[in-house]
């Protein structure tokens, strides 16, 4: 997961004023209401494992989309936003597969 500052940076500028407070509210809501995704039953490389993952994410993502559309976003805006977030997350994962490890290394250097 990206640090909270990433979103503030990505959404900075006059057209996004007030985003940090919305970001804080969203982050707090997610922390208070985590999704419970079960562990996979297959081993990495098992062809059914990706289908199992897709199955477990299907309902929560549909609920997220429905909630966003009910709040006033168009379905296409929501789809685009989800695609961008996934693209950003994939890129971050490729650049740093274990960001927690890097945070621990930085903390140990600073102390």
PDB file of N, CA and C in Angstrom:
ATOM      1  N   UNK A   1       0.845  -1.176   0.000  1.00  0.00           N
ATOM      2  CA  UNK A   1       0.000   0.000   0.000  1.00  0.00           C
ATOM      3  C   UNK A   1       0.890   1.238   0.000  1.00  0.00           C
ATOM      4  N   UNK A   2       0.465   2.258  -0.736  1.00  0.00           N
ATOM      5  CA  UNK A   2       1.223   3.496  -0.786  1.00  0.00           C
ATOM      6  C   UNK A   2       1.075   4.259   0.522  1.00  0.00           C
ATOM      7  N   UNK A   3       2.078   5.031   0.897  1.00  0.00           N
ATOM      8  CA  UNK A   3       1.908   5.900   2.053  1.00  0.00           C
ATOM      9  C   UNK A   3       0.858   6.962   1.759  1.00  0.00           C
ATOM     10  N   UNK A   4       0.227   7.472   2.807  1.00  0.00           N
ATOM     11  CA  UNK A   4      -0.838   8.458   2.626  1.00  0.00           C
ATOM     12  C   UNK A   4      -0.366   9.671   1.834  1.00  0.00           C
ATOM     13  N   UNK A   5       0.890  10.071   1.979  1.00  0.00           N
ATOM     14  CA  UNK A   5       1.396  11.242   1.273  1.00  0.00           C
ATOM     15  C   UNK A   5       1.362  11.066  -0.239  1.00  0.00           C
ATOM     16  N   UNK A   6       1.435   9.818  -0.723  1.00  0.00           N
ATOM     17  CA  UNK A   6       1.373   9.574  -2.165  1.00  0.00           C
ATOM     18  C   UNK A   6       0.076  10.149  -2.732  1.00  0.00           C
ATOM     19  N   UNK A   7      -1.041   9.876  -2.075  1.00  0.00           N
ATOM     20  CA  UNK A   7      -2.327  10.347  -2.571  1.00  0.00           C
ATOM     21  C   UNK A   7      -2.424  11.862  -2.519  1.00  0.00           C
ATOM     22  N   UNK A   8      -1.883  12.453  -1.460  1.00  0.00           N
ATOM     23  CA  UNK A   8      -1.899  13.907  -1.365  1.00  0.00           C
ATOM     24  C   UNK A   8      -1.068  14.519  -2.482  1.00  0.00           C
ATOM     25  N   UNK A   9       0.058  13.901  -2.799  1.00  0.00           N
ATOM     26  CA  UNK A   9       0.913  14.393  -3.878  1.00  0.00           C
ATOM     27  C   UNK A   9       0.230  14.218  -5.215  1.00  0.00           C
ATOM     28  N   UNK A  10      -0.331  13.042  -5.454  1.00  0.00           N
ATOM     29  CA  UNK A  10      -0.966  12.758  -6.733  1.00  0.00           C
ATOM     30  C   UNK A  10      -2.180  13.675  -6.939  1.00  0.00           C
ATOM     31  N   UNK A  11      -2.880  14.015  -5.868  1.00  0.00           N
ATOM     32  CA  UNK A  11      -4.087  14.821  -5.985  1.00  0.00           C
ATOM     33  C   UNK A  11      -3.866  16.240  -5.469  1.00  0.00           C
ATOM     34  N   UNK A  12      -2.670  16.758  -5.634  1.00  0.00           N
ATOM     35  CA  UNK A  12      -2.410  18.112  -5.158  1.00  0.00           C
ATOM     36  C   UNK A  12      -2.829  19.126  -6.215  1.00  0.00           C
ATOM     37  N   UNK A  13      -2.953  20.338  -5.803  1.00  0.00           N
ATOM     38  CA  UNK A  13      -3.329  21.408  -6.720  1.00  0.00           C
ATOM     39  C   UNK A  13      -4.672  21.985  -6.355  1.00  0.00           C
ATOM     40  N   UNK A  14      -4.987  23.157  -6.912  1.00  0.00           N
ATOM     41  CA  UNK A  14      -6.222  23.846  -6.536  1.00  0.00           C
ATOM     42  C   UNK A  14      -7.483  23.054  -6.882  1.00  0.00           C
ATOM     43  N   UNK A  15      -7.424  22.251  -7.949  1.00  0.00           N
ATOM     44  CA  UNK A  15      -8.617  21.482  -8.334  1.00  0.00           C
ATOM     45  C   UNK A  15      -8.912  20.353  -7.350  1.00  0.00           C
ATOM     46  N   UNK A  16      -7.981  20.068  -6.434  1.00  0.00           N
ATOM     47  CA  UNK A  16      -8.168  18.992  -5.470  1.00  0.00           C
ATOM     48  C   UNK A  16      -8.060  19.496  -4.038  1.00  0.00           C
ATOM     49  N   UNK A  17      -8.437  20.743  -3.802  1.00  0.00           N
ATOM     50  CA  UNK A  17      -8.317  21.270  -2.448  1.00  0.00           C
ATOM     51  C   UNK A  17      -9.219  20.474  -1.507  1.00  0.00           C
ATOM     52  N   UNK A  18      -8.736  20.236  -0.316  1.00  0.00           N
ATOM     53  CA  UNK A  18      -9.502  19.490   0.676  1.00  0.00           C
ATOM     54  C   UNK A  18      -9.372  17.989   0.561  1.00  0.00           C
ATOM     55  N   UNK A  19      -8.570  17.503  -0.381  1.00  0.00           N
ATOM     56  CA  UNK A  19      -8.450  16.059  -0.577  1.00  0.00           C
ATOM     57  C   UNK A  19      -7.846  15.377   0.634  1.00  0.00           C
ATOM     58  N   UNK A  20      -6.895  16.032   1.299  1.00  0.00           N
ATOM     59  CA  UNK A  20      -6.242  15.358   2.419  1.00  0.00           C
ATOM     60  C   UNK A  20      -7.245  14.993   3.505  1.00  0.00           C
ATOM     61  N   UNK A  21      -8.229  15.850   3.793  1.00  0.00           N
ATOM     62  CA  UNK A  21      -9.209  15.498   4.819  1.00  0.00           C
ATOM     63  C   UNK A  21     -10.097  14.354   4.341  1.00  0.00           C
ATOM     64  N   UNK A  22     -10.446  14.333   3.068  1.00  0.00           N
ATOM     65  CA  UNK A  22     -11.216  13.217   2.515  1.00  0.00           C
ATOM     66  C   UNK A  22     -10.371  11.955   2.563  1.00  0.00           C
ATOM     67  N   UNK A  23      -9.090  12.078   2.196  1.00  0.00           N
ATOM     68  CA  UNK A  23      -8.176  10.935   2.237  1.00  0.00           C
ATOM     69  C   UNK A  23      -8.089  10.383   3.653  1.00  0.00           C
ATOM     70  N   UNK A  24      -7.978  11.270   4.638  1.00  0.00           N
ATOM     71  CA  UNK A  24      -7.912  10.826   6.028  1.00  0.00           C
ATOM     72  C   UNK A  24      -9.184  10.087   6.429  1.00  0.00           C
ATOM     73  N   UNK A  25     -10.331  10.590   5.986  1.00  0.00           N
ATOM     74  CA  UNK A  25     -11.607   9.937   6.303  1.00  0.00           C
ATOM     75  C   UNK A  25     -11.691   8.559   5.653  1.00  0.00           C
ATOM     76  N   UNK A  26     -11.274   8.466   4.402  1.00  0.00           N
ATOM     77  CA  UNK A  26     -11.309   7.176   3.698  1.00  0.00           C
ATOM     78  C   UNK A  26     -10.355   6.200   4.365  1.00  0.00           C
ATOM     79  N   UNK A  27      -9.151   6.648   4.651  1.00  0.00           N
ATOM     80  CA  UNK A  27      -8.167   5.783   5.305  1.00  0.00           C
ATOM     81  C   UNK A  27      -8.692   5.294   6.642  1.00  0.00           C
ATOM     82  N   UNK A  28      -9.277   6.187   7.415  1.00  0.00           N
ATOM     83  CA  UNK A  28      -9.820   5.794   8.723  1.00  0.00           C
ATOM     84  C   UNK A  28     -10.947   4.785   8.566  1.00  0.00           C
ATOM     85  N   UNK A  29     -11.819   4.996   7.595  1.00  0.00           N
ATOM     86  CA  UNK A  29     -12.927   4.060   7.363  1.00  0.00           C
ATOM     87  C   UNK A  29     -12.397   2.676   7.007  1.00  0.00           C
ATOM     88  N   UNK A  30     -11.404   2.620   6.141  1.00  0.00           N
ATOM     89  CA  UNK A  30     -10.835   1.334   5.730  1.00  0.00           C
ATOM     90  C   UNK A  30     -10.157   0.647   6.911  1.00  0.00           C
ATOM     91  N   UNK A  31      -9.451   1.426   7.722  1.00  0.00           N
ATOM     92  CA  UNK A  31      -8.794   0.843   8.893  1.00  0.00           C
ATOM     93  C   UNK A  31      -9.815   0.332   9.901  1.00  0.00           C
ATOM     94  N   UNK A  32     -10.959   1.019  10.009  1.00  0.00           N
ATOM     95  CA  UNK A  32     -12.005   0.603  10.942  1.00  0.00           C
ATOM     96  C   UNK A  32     -12.840  -0.557  10.415  1.00  0.00           C
ATOM     97  N   UNK A  33     -12.866  -0.751   9.088  1.00  0.00           N
ATOM     98  CA  UNK A  33     -13.705  -1.765   8.460  1.00  0.00           C
ATOM     99  C   UNK A  33     -12.899  -2.578   7.439  1.00  0.00           C
ATOM    100  N   UNK A  34     -11.922  -3.336   7.899  1.00  0.00           N
ATOM    101  CA  UNK A  34     -11.101  -4.068   6.936  1.00  0.00           C
ATOM    102  C   UNK A  34     -11.897  -5.192   6.267  1.00  0.00           C
ATOM    103  N   UNK A  35     -11.519  -5.491   5.025  1.00  0.00           N
ATOM    104  CA  UNK A  35     -12.123  -6.626   4.337  1.00  0.00           C
ATOM    105  C   UNK A  35     -11.469  -7.891   4.879  1.00  0.00           C
ATOM    106  N   UNK A  36     -12.245  -8.921   5.028  1.00  0.00           N
ATOM    107  CA  UNK A  36     -11.710 -10.199   5.468  1.00  0.00           C
ATOM    108  C   UNK A  36     -11.591 -11.115   4.266  1.00  0.00           C
ATOM    109  N   UNK A  37     -10.414 -11.135   3.672  1.00  0.00           N
ATOM    110  CA  UNK A  37     -10.151 -11.975   2.505  1.00  0.00           C
ATOM    111  C   UNK A  37      -9.506 -13.253   3.011  1.00  0.00           C
ATOM    112  N   UNK A  38     -10.107 -14.411   2.715  1.00  0.00           N
ATOM    113  CA  UNK A  38      -9.520 -15.668   3.191  1.00  0.00           C
ATOM    114  C   UNK A  38      -8.205 -15.998   2.494  1.00  0.00           C
ATOM    115  N   UNK A  39      -7.401 -16.800   3.140  1.00  0.00           N
ATOM    116  CA  UNK A  39      -6.129 -17.253   2.575  1.00  0.00           C
ATOM    117  C   UNK A  39      -6.407 -18.174   1.382  1.00  0.00           C
ATOM    118  N   UNK A  40      -5.506 -18.203   0.438  1.00  0.00           N
ATOM    119  CA  UNK A  40      -5.699 -19.097  -0.713  1.00  0.00           C
ATOM    120  C   UNK A  40      -5.607 -20.558  -0.307  1.00  0.00           C
ATOM    121  N   UNK A  41      -6.343 -21.381  -1.043  1.00  0.00           N
ATOM    122  CA  UNK A  41      -6.284 -22.817  -0.774  1.00  0.00           C
ATOM    123  C   UNK A  41      -5.255 -23.506  -1.665  1.00  0.00           C
ATOM    124  N   UNK A  42      -4.917 -22.907  -2.794  1.00  0.00           N
ATOM    125  CA  UNK A  42      -3.932 -23.489  -3.701  1.00  0.00           C
ATOM    126  C   UNK A  42      -2.537 -22.958  -3.428  1.00  0.00           C
ATOM    127  N   UNK A  43      -1.579 -23.564  -4.084  1.00  0.00           N
ATOM    128  CA  UNK A  43      -0.181 -23.129  -3.959  1.00  0.00           C
ATOM    129  C   UNK A  43       0.136 -22.166  -5.094  1.00  0.00           C
ATOM    130  N   UNK A  44       1.130 -21.269  -4.925  1.00  0.00           N
ATOM    131  CA  UNK A  44       1.500 -20.370  -6.020  1.00  0.00           C
ATOM    132  C   UNK A  44       1.780 -21.167  -7.295  1.00  0.00           C
ATOM    133  N   UNK A  45       1.258 -20.664  -8.407  1.00  0.00           N
ATOM    134  CA  UNK A  45       1.412 -21.341  -9.692  1.00  0.00           C
ATOM    135  C   UNK A  45       0.226 -22.220 -10.042  1.00  0.00           C
ATOM    136  N   UNK A  46      -0.608 -22.548  -9.059  1.00  0.00           N
ATOM    137  CA  UNK A  46      -1.807 -23.341  -9.315  1.00  0.00           C
ATOM    138  C   UNK A  46      -2.760 -22.502 -10.153  1.00  0.00           C
ATOM    139  N   UNK A  47      -3.249 -23.057 -11.262  1.00  0.00           N
ATOM    140  CA  UNK A  47      -4.099 -22.292 -12.190  1.00  0.00           C
ATOM    141  C   UNK A  47      -5.404 -21.845 -11.547  1.00  0.00           C
ATOM    142  N   UNK A  48      -5.904 -22.557 -10.560  1.00  0.00           N
ATOM    143  CA  UNK A  48      -7.171 -22.165  -9.938  1.00  0.00           C
ATOM    144  C   UNK A  48      -6.987 -21.066  -8.902  1.00  0.00           C
ATOM    145  N   UNK A  49      -5.757 -20.821  -8.503  1.00  0.00           N
ATOM    146  CA  UNK A  49      -5.499 -19.829  -7.457  1.00  0.00           C
ATOM    147  C   UNK A  49      -5.930 -18.427  -7.882  1.00  0.00           C
ATOM    148  N   UNK A  50      -5.638 -18.023  -9.114  1.00  0.00           N
ATOM    149  CA  UNK A  50      -6.041 -16.685  -9.560  1.00  0.00           C
ATOM    150  C   UNK A  50      -7.556 -16.581  -9.656  1.00  0.00           C
ATOM    151  N   UNK A  51      -8.225 -17.656 -10.053  1.00  0.00           N
ATOM    152  CA  UNK A  51      -9.695 -17.646 -10.086  1.00  0.00           C
ATOM    153  C   UNK A  51     -10.267 -17.539  -8.678  1.00  0.00           C
ATOM    154  N   UNK A  52      -9.632 -18.214  -7.735  1.00  0.00           N
ATOM    155  CA  UNK A  52     -10.063 -18.142  -6.342  1.00  0.00           C
ATOM    156  C   UNK A  52      -9.908 -16.713  -5.812  1.00  0.00           C
ATOM    157  N   UNK A  53      -8.788 -16.073  -6.128  1.00  0.00           N
ATOM    158  CA  UNK A  53      -8.547 -14.695  -5.700  1.00  0.00           C
ATOM    159  C   UNK A  53      -9.610 -13.771  -6.304  1.00  0.00           C
ATOM    160  N   UNK A  54      -9.849 -13.927  -7.597  1.00  0.00           N
ATOM    161  CA  UNK A  54     -10.865 -13.126  -8.275  1.00  0.00           C
ATOM    162  C   UNK A  54     -12.236 -13.307  -7.620  1.00  0.00           C
ATOM    163  N   UNK A  55     -12.560 -14.537  -7.282  1.00  0.00           N
ATOM    164  CA  UNK A  55     -13.838 -14.831  -6.626  1.00  0.00           C
ATOM    165  C   UNK A  55     -13.961 -14.077  -5.291  1.00  0.00           C
ATOM    166  N   UNK A  56     -12.890 -14.084  -4.501  1.00  0.00           N
ATOM    167  CA  UNK A  56     -12.932 -13.435  -3.183  1.00  0.00           C
ATOM    168  C   UNK A  56     -12.996 -11.913  -3.277  1.00  0.00           C
ATOM    169  N   UNK A  57     -12.483 -11.341  -4.357  1.00  0.00           N
ATOM    170  CA  UNK A  57     -12.518  -9.890  -4.519  1.00  0.00           C
ATOM    171  C   UNK A  57     -13.745  -9.393  -5.267  1.00  0.00           C
ATOM    172  N   UNK A  58     -14.447 -10.269  -5.945  1.00  0.00           N
ATOM    173  CA  UNK A  58     -15.569  -9.869  -6.785  1.00  0.00           C
ATOM    174  C   UNK A  58     -16.655  -9.113  -6.009  1.00  0.00           C
ATOM    175  N   UNK A  59     -17.170  -9.710  -4.959  1.00  0.00           N
ATOM    176  CA  UNK A  59     -18.254  -9.067  -4.199  1.00  0.00           C
ATOM    177  C   UNK A  59     -17.807  -7.748  -3.559  1.00  0.00           C
ATOM    178  N   UNK A  60     -16.660  -7.701  -2.863  1.00  0.00           N
ATOM    179  CA  UNK A  60     -16.257  -6.416  -2.269  1.00  0.00           C
ATOM    180  C   UNK A  60     -16.074  -5.310  -3.306  1.00  0.00           C
ATOM    181  N   UNK A  61     -15.542  -5.650  -4.473  1.00  0.00           N
ATOM    182  CA  UNK A  61     -15.349  -4.632  -5.506  1.00  0.00           C
ATOM    183  C   UNK A  61     -16.695  -4.189  -6.068  1.00  0.00           C
ATOM    184  N   UNK A  62     -17.623  -5.133  -6.275  1.00  0.00           N
ATOM    185  CA  UNK A  62     -18.963  -4.738  -6.747  1.00  0.00           C
ATOM    186  C   UNK A  62     -19.648  -3.834  -5.735  1.00  0.00           C
ATOM    187  N   UNK A  63     -19.500  -4.135  -4.454  1.00  0.00           N
ATOM    188  CA  UNK A  63     -20.095  -3.296  -3.403  1.00  0.00           C
ATOM    189  C   UNK A  63     -19.457  -1.907  -3.436  1.00  0.00           C
ATOM    190  N   UNK A  64     -18.140  -1.845  -3.574  1.00  0.00           N
ATOM    191  CA  UNK A  64     -17.439  -0.566  -3.658  1.00  0.00           C
ATOM    192  C   UNK A  64     -17.950   0.257  -4.839  1.00  0.00           C
ATOM    193  N   UNK A  65     -18.095  -0.379  -5.980  1.00  0.00           N
ATOM    194  CA  UNK A  65     -18.594   0.312  -7.176  1.00  0.00           C
ATOM    195  C   UNK A  65     -20.018   0.807  -6.944  1.00  0.00           C
ATOM    196  N   UNK A  66     -20.866  -0.042  -6.402  1.00  0.00           N
ATOM    197  CA  UNK A  66     -22.258   0.357  -6.121  1.00  0.00           C
ATOM    198  C   UNK A  66     -22.321   1.538  -5.163  1.00  0.00           C
ATOM    199  N   UNK A  67     -21.484   1.512  -4.125  1.00  0.00           N
ATOM    200  CA  UNK A  67     -21.468   2.615  -3.163  1.00  0.00           C
ATOM    201  C   UNK A  67     -21.008   3.908  -3.817  1.00  0.00           C
ATOM    202  N   UNK A  68     -20.002   3.825  -4.664  1.00  0.00           N
ATOM    203  CA  UNK A  68     -19.494   5.024  -5.342  1.00  0.00           C
ATOM    204  C   UNK A  68     -20.541   5.591  -6.301  1.00  0.00           C
ATOM    205  N   UNK A  69     -21.214   4.721  -7.045  1.00  0.00           N
ATOM    206  CA  UNK A  69     -22.255   5.181  -7.973  1.00  0.00           C
ATOM    207  C   UNK A  69     -23.423   5.784  -7.184  1.00  0.00           C
ATOM    208  N   UNK A  70     -23.784   5.168  -6.072  1.00  0.00           N
ATOM    209  CA  UNK A  70     -24.857   5.712  -5.225  1.00  0.00           C
ATOM    210  C   UNK A  70     -24.472   7.074  -4.648  1.00  0.00           C
ATOM    211  N   UNK A  71     -23.176   7.301  -4.457  1.00  0.00           N
ATOM    212  CA  UNK A  71     -22.699   8.582  -3.922  1.00  0.00           C
ATOM    213  C   UNK A  71     -22.652   9.673  -4.991  1.00  0.00           C
ATOM    214  N   UNK A  72     -22.838   9.285  -6.267  1.00  0.00           N
ATOM    215  CA  UNK A  72     -22.886  10.294  -7.319  1.00  0.00           C
ATOM    216  C   UNK A  72     -21.836  10.165  -8.405  1.00  0.00           C
ATOM    217  N   UNK A  73     -20.877   9.252  -8.257  1.00  0.00           N
ATOM    218  CA  UNK A  73     -19.876   9.043  -9.298  1.00  0.00           C
ATOM    219  C   UNK A  73     -20.513   8.229 -10.421  1.00  0.00           C
ATOM    220  N   UNK A  74     -20.052   8.450 -11.655  1.00  0.00           N
ATOM    221  CA  UNK A  74     -20.541   7.605 -12.736  1.00  0.00           C
ATOM    222  C   UNK A  74     -19.780   6.285 -12.680  1.00  0.00           C
ATOM    223  N   UNK A  75     -20.389   5.259 -13.225  1.00  0.00           N
ATOM    224  CA  UNK A  75     -19.728   3.952 -13.243  1.00  0.00           C
ATOM    225  C   UNK A  75     -18.399   4.039 -13.981  1.00  0.00           C
ATOM    226  N   UNK A  76     -18.345   4.777 -15.078  1.00  0.00           N
ATOM    227  CA  UNK A  76     -17.100   4.894 -15.838  1.00  0.00           C
ATOM    228  C   UNK A  76     -16.020   5.615 -15.032  1.00  0.00           C
ATOM    229  N   UNK A  77     -16.398   6.624 -14.242  1.00  0.00           N
ATOM    230  CA  UNK A  77     -15.420   7.296 -13.379  1.00  0.00           C
ATOM    231  C   UNK A  77     -14.859   6.311 -12.352  1.00  0.00           C
ATOM    232  N   UNK A  78     -15.729   5.497 -11.804  1.00  0.00           N
ATOM    233  CA  UNK A  78     -15.297   4.522 -10.804  1.00  0.00           C
ATOM    234  C   UNK A  78     -14.376   3.478 -11.428  1.00  0.00           C
ATOM    235  N   UNK A  79     -14.765   2.954 -12.590  1.00  0.00           N
ATOM    236  CA  UNK A  79     -13.925   1.960 -13.267  1.00  0.00           C
ATOM    237  C   UNK A  79     -12.549   2.541 -13.576  1.00  0.00           C
ATOM    238  N   UNK A  80     -12.525   3.762 -14.078  1.00  0.00           N
ATOM    239  CA  UNK A  80     -11.250   4.410 -14.403  1.00  0.00           C
ATOM    240  C   UNK A  80     -10.410   4.594 -13.144  1.00  0.00           C
ATOM    241  N   UNK A  81     -11.039   5.035 -12.062  1.00  0.00           N
ATOM    242  CA  UNK A  81     -10.313   5.240 -10.806  1.00  0.00           C
ATOM    243  C   UNK A  81      -9.730   3.928 -10.294  1.00  0.00           C
ATOM    244  N   UNK A  82     -10.529   2.870 -10.326  1.00  0.00           N
ATOM    245  CA  UNK A  82     -10.044   1.566  -9.860  1.00  0.00           C
ATOM    246  C   UNK A  82      -8.885   1.089 -10.728  1.00  0.00           C
ATOM    247  N   UNK A  83      -9.020   1.248 -12.037  1.00  0.00           N
ATOM    248  CA  UNK A  83      -7.944   0.844 -12.946  1.00  0.00           C
ATOM    249  C   UNK A  83      -6.656   1.620 -12.654  1.00  0.00           C
ATOM    250  N   UNK A  84      -6.767   2.924 -12.392  1.00  0.00           N
ATOM    251  CA  UNK A  84      -5.588   3.745 -12.100  1.00  0.00           C
ATOM    252  C   UNK A  84      -4.943   3.332 -10.779  1.00  0.00           C
ATOM    253  N   UNK A  85      -5.769   3.069  -9.776  1.00  0.00           N
ATOM    254  CA  UNK A  85      -5.229   2.640  -8.485  1.00  0.00           C
ATOM    255  C   UNK A  85      -4.510   1.306  -8.639  1.00  0.00           C
ATOM    256  N   UNK A  86      -5.118   0.379  -9.375  1.00  0.00           N
ATOM    257  CA  UNK A  86      -4.476  -0.923  -9.597  1.00  0.00           C
ATOM    258  C   UNK A  86      -3.166  -0.746 -10.356  1.00  0.00           C
ATOM    259  N   UNK A  87      -3.170   0.101 -11.375  1.00  0.00           N
ATOM    260  CA  UNK A  87      -1.947   0.348 -12.140  1.00  0.00           C
ATOM    261  C   UNK A  87      -0.857   0.934 -11.241  1.00  0.00           C
ATOM    262  N   UNK A  88      -1.222   1.903 -10.389  1.00  0.00           N
ATOM    263  CA  UNK A  88      -0.254   2.510  -9.475  1.00  0.00           C
ATOM    264  C   UNK A  88       0.273   1.477  -8.470  1.00  0.00           C
ATOM    265  N   UNK A  89      -0.616   0.650  -7.943  1.00  0.00           N
ATOM    266  CA  UNK A  89      -0.214  -0.378  -6.986  1.00  0.00           C
ATOM    267  C   UNK A  89       0.716  -1.402  -7.642  1.00  0.00           C
ATOM    268  N   UNK A  90       0.385  -1.794  -8.882  1.00  0.00           N
ATOM    269  CA  UNK A  90       1.226  -2.760  -9.603  1.00  0.00           C
ATOM    270  C   UNK A  90       2.623  -2.175  -9.831  1.00  0.00           C
ATOM    271  N   UNK A  91       2.680  -0.909 -10.239  1.00  0.00           N
ATOM    272  CA  UNK A  91       3.964  -0.270 -10.478  1.00  0.00           C
ATOM    273  C   UNK A  91       4.772  -0.174  -9.191  1.00  0.00           C
ATOM    274  N   UNK A  92       4.124   0.194  -8.097  1.00  0.00           N
ATOM    275  CA  UNK A  92       4.825   0.283  -6.814  1.00  0.00           C
ATOM    276  C   UNK A  92       5.337  -1.085  -6.385  1.00  0.00           C
ATOM    277  N   UNK A  93       4.551  -2.115  -6.608  1.00  0.00           N
ATOM    278  CA  UNK A  93       4.960  -3.476  -6.253  1.00  0.00           C
ATOM    279  C   UNK A  93       6.171  -3.910  -7.071  1.00  0.00           C
ATOM    280  N   UNK A  94       6.176  -3.542  -8.353  1.00  0.00           N
ATOM    281  CA  UNK A  94       7.303  -3.904  -9.211  1.00  0.00           C
ATOM    282  C   UNK A  94       8.577  -3.164  -8.785  1.00  0.00           C
ATOM    283  N   UNK A  95       8.423  -1.904  -8.361  1.00  0.00           N
ATOM    284  CA  UNK A  95       9.573  -1.110  -7.945  1.00  0.00           C
ATOM    285  C   UNK A  95      10.099  -1.522  -6.576  1.00  0.00           C
ATOM    286  N   UNK A  96       9.185  -1.905  -5.685  1.00  0.00           N
ATOM    287  CA  UNK A  96       9.568  -2.272  -4.321  1.00  0.00           C
ATOM    288  C   UNK A  96       8.631  -3.369  -3.828  1.00  0.00           C
ATOM    289  N   UNK A  97       8.990  -4.631  -4.065  1.00  0.00           N
ATOM    290  CA  UNK A  97       8.115  -5.741  -3.680  1.00  0.00           C
ATOM    291  C   UNK A  97       7.829  -5.827  -2.189  1.00  0.00           C
ATOM    292  N   UNK A  98       8.683  -5.260  -1.342  1.00  0.00           N
ATOM    293  CA  UNK A  98       8.456  -5.320   0.100  1.00  0.00           C
ATOM    294  C   UNK A  98       8.693  -3.948   0.723  1.00  0.00           C
ATOM    295  N   UNK A  99       7.718  -3.022   0.578  1.00  0.00           N
ATOM    296  CA  UNK A  99       7.931  -1.667   1.109  1.00  0.00           C
ATOM    297  C   UNK A  99       8.083  -1.636   2.621  1.00  0.00           C
ATOM    298  N   UNK A 100       7.497  -2.579   3.341  1.00  0.00           N
ATOM    299  CA  UNK A 100       7.641  -2.598   4.798  1.00  0.00           C
ATOM    300  C   UNK A 100       9.102  -2.824   5.177  1.00  0.00           C
ATOM    301  N   UNK A 101       9.775  -3.669   4.421  1.00  0.00           N
ATOM    302  CA  UNK A 101      11.189  -3.934   4.677  1.00  0.00           C
ATOM    303  C   UNK A 101      12.004  -2.653   4.504  1.00  0.00           C
ATOM    304  N   UNK A 102      11.703  -1.878   3.474  1.00  0.00           N
ATOM    305  CA  UNK A 102      12.417  -0.623   3.245  1.00  0.00           C
ATOM    306  C   UNK A 102      12.149   0.358   4.384  1.00  0.00           C
ATOM    307  N   UNK A 103      10.913   0.414   4.871  1.00  0.00           N
ATOM    308  CA  UNK A 103      10.579   1.307   5.984  1.00  0.00           C
ATOM    309  C   UNK A 103      11.362   0.933   7.229  1.00  0.00           C
ATOM    310  N   UNK A 104      11.505  -0.377   7.480  1.00  0.00           N
ATOM    311  CA  UNK A 104      12.267  -0.830   8.638  1.00  0.00           C
ATOM    312  C   UNK A 104      13.736  -0.451   8.499  1.00  0.00           C
ATOM    313  N   UNK A 105      14.282  -0.572   7.273  1.00  0.00           N
ATOM    314  CA  UNK A 105      15.672  -0.220   7.043  1.00  0.00           C
ATOM    315  C   UNK A 105      15.895   1.275   7.256  1.00  0.00           C
ATOM    316  N   UNK A 106      14.977   2.086   6.792  1.00  0.00           N
ATOM    317  CA  UNK A 106      15.081   3.544   6.950  1.00  0.00           C
ATOM    318  C   UNK A 106      15.004   3.894   8.429  1.00  0.00           C
ATOM    319  N   UNK A 107      14.075   3.267   9.156  1.00  0.00           N
ATOM    320  CA  UNK A 107      13.922   3.538  10.582  1.00  0.00           C
ATOM    321  C   UNK A 107      15.183   3.173  11.346  1.00  0.00           C
ATOM    322  N   UNK A 108      15.823   2.067  10.979  1.00  0.00           N
ATOM    323  CA  UNK A 108      17.033   1.652  11.701  1.00  0.00           C
ATOM    324  C   UNK A 108      18.193   2.594  11.413  1.00  0.00           C
ATOM    325  N   UNK A 109      18.239   3.201  10.223  1.00  0.00           N
ATOM    326  CA  UNK A 109      19.293   4.160   9.878  1.00  0.00           C
ATOM    327  C   UNK A 109      19.074   5.475  10.618  1.00  0.00           C
ATOM    328  N   UNK A 110      17.810   5.871  10.768  1.00  0.00           N
ATOM    329  CA  UNK A 110      17.485   7.151  11.408  1.00  0.00           C
ATOM    330  C   UNK A 110      17.715   7.130  12.906  1.00  0.00           C
ATOM    331  N   UNK A 111      17.669   5.953  13.537  1.00  0.00           N
ATOM    332  CA  UNK A 111      17.818   5.903  14.998  1.00  0.00           C
ATOM    333  C   UNK A 111      19.238   5.760  15.441  1.00  0.00           C
TER     334      UNK A 111
END
